[in-house]
């Protein structure tokens, strides 16, 4: 895996914030592979990953002037990529060309089907997902990758460029924090 020169990237960010399109193009070249690898691991589809990467860099270009600390460009870009992947998976109506149905969305209906139960279940899932998204970034990424994308700890470690033990630690702390948040929800 290529090591990024964060000081040089920060210089490019400042130039891009001043309107230098060549600087942004260089940022793109320097970070594309890492961002694509993340999107591909998350989505498990090369075409969707390419779409997400395109959207990620469009958002980054539009908002680069809002980035206050240029040395945090890669972390900021990671967050945009993560949110874009998440949106592609969880808001298929926004991306009508790409409708993904995960295992959790396929439900077996019995003869005693009640639509109101499905509404309650969907609302509960949405609430839990919102709570996961409110966790610290690494915890939410690890939990979503593990439980929504069924990724192994080793794959998560590779994609996020962190150690396997850090993945385990974030899973544990994220689940504990989520359990506290969800226990407040129960009445």
Foldseek 3Di string as FASTA:
>chain_A
DDDDDLVVQLVLLVVLLVPPVVSLVVVCVRCVVLLLLLLCLQQVDNVVSVVLSVVLSVVCSVCSNVDPRSSCVVVVSNVSSLVSSVCVAPVCVVVVVDHDADPVNDDDDDPPDDVVVVVVVVVVVVVLLVLLVPPPPLLSQLCCCCPVVVDDLVSSCVSVVHDSVVSVVSPVVSVVSSVVVVVVVDD
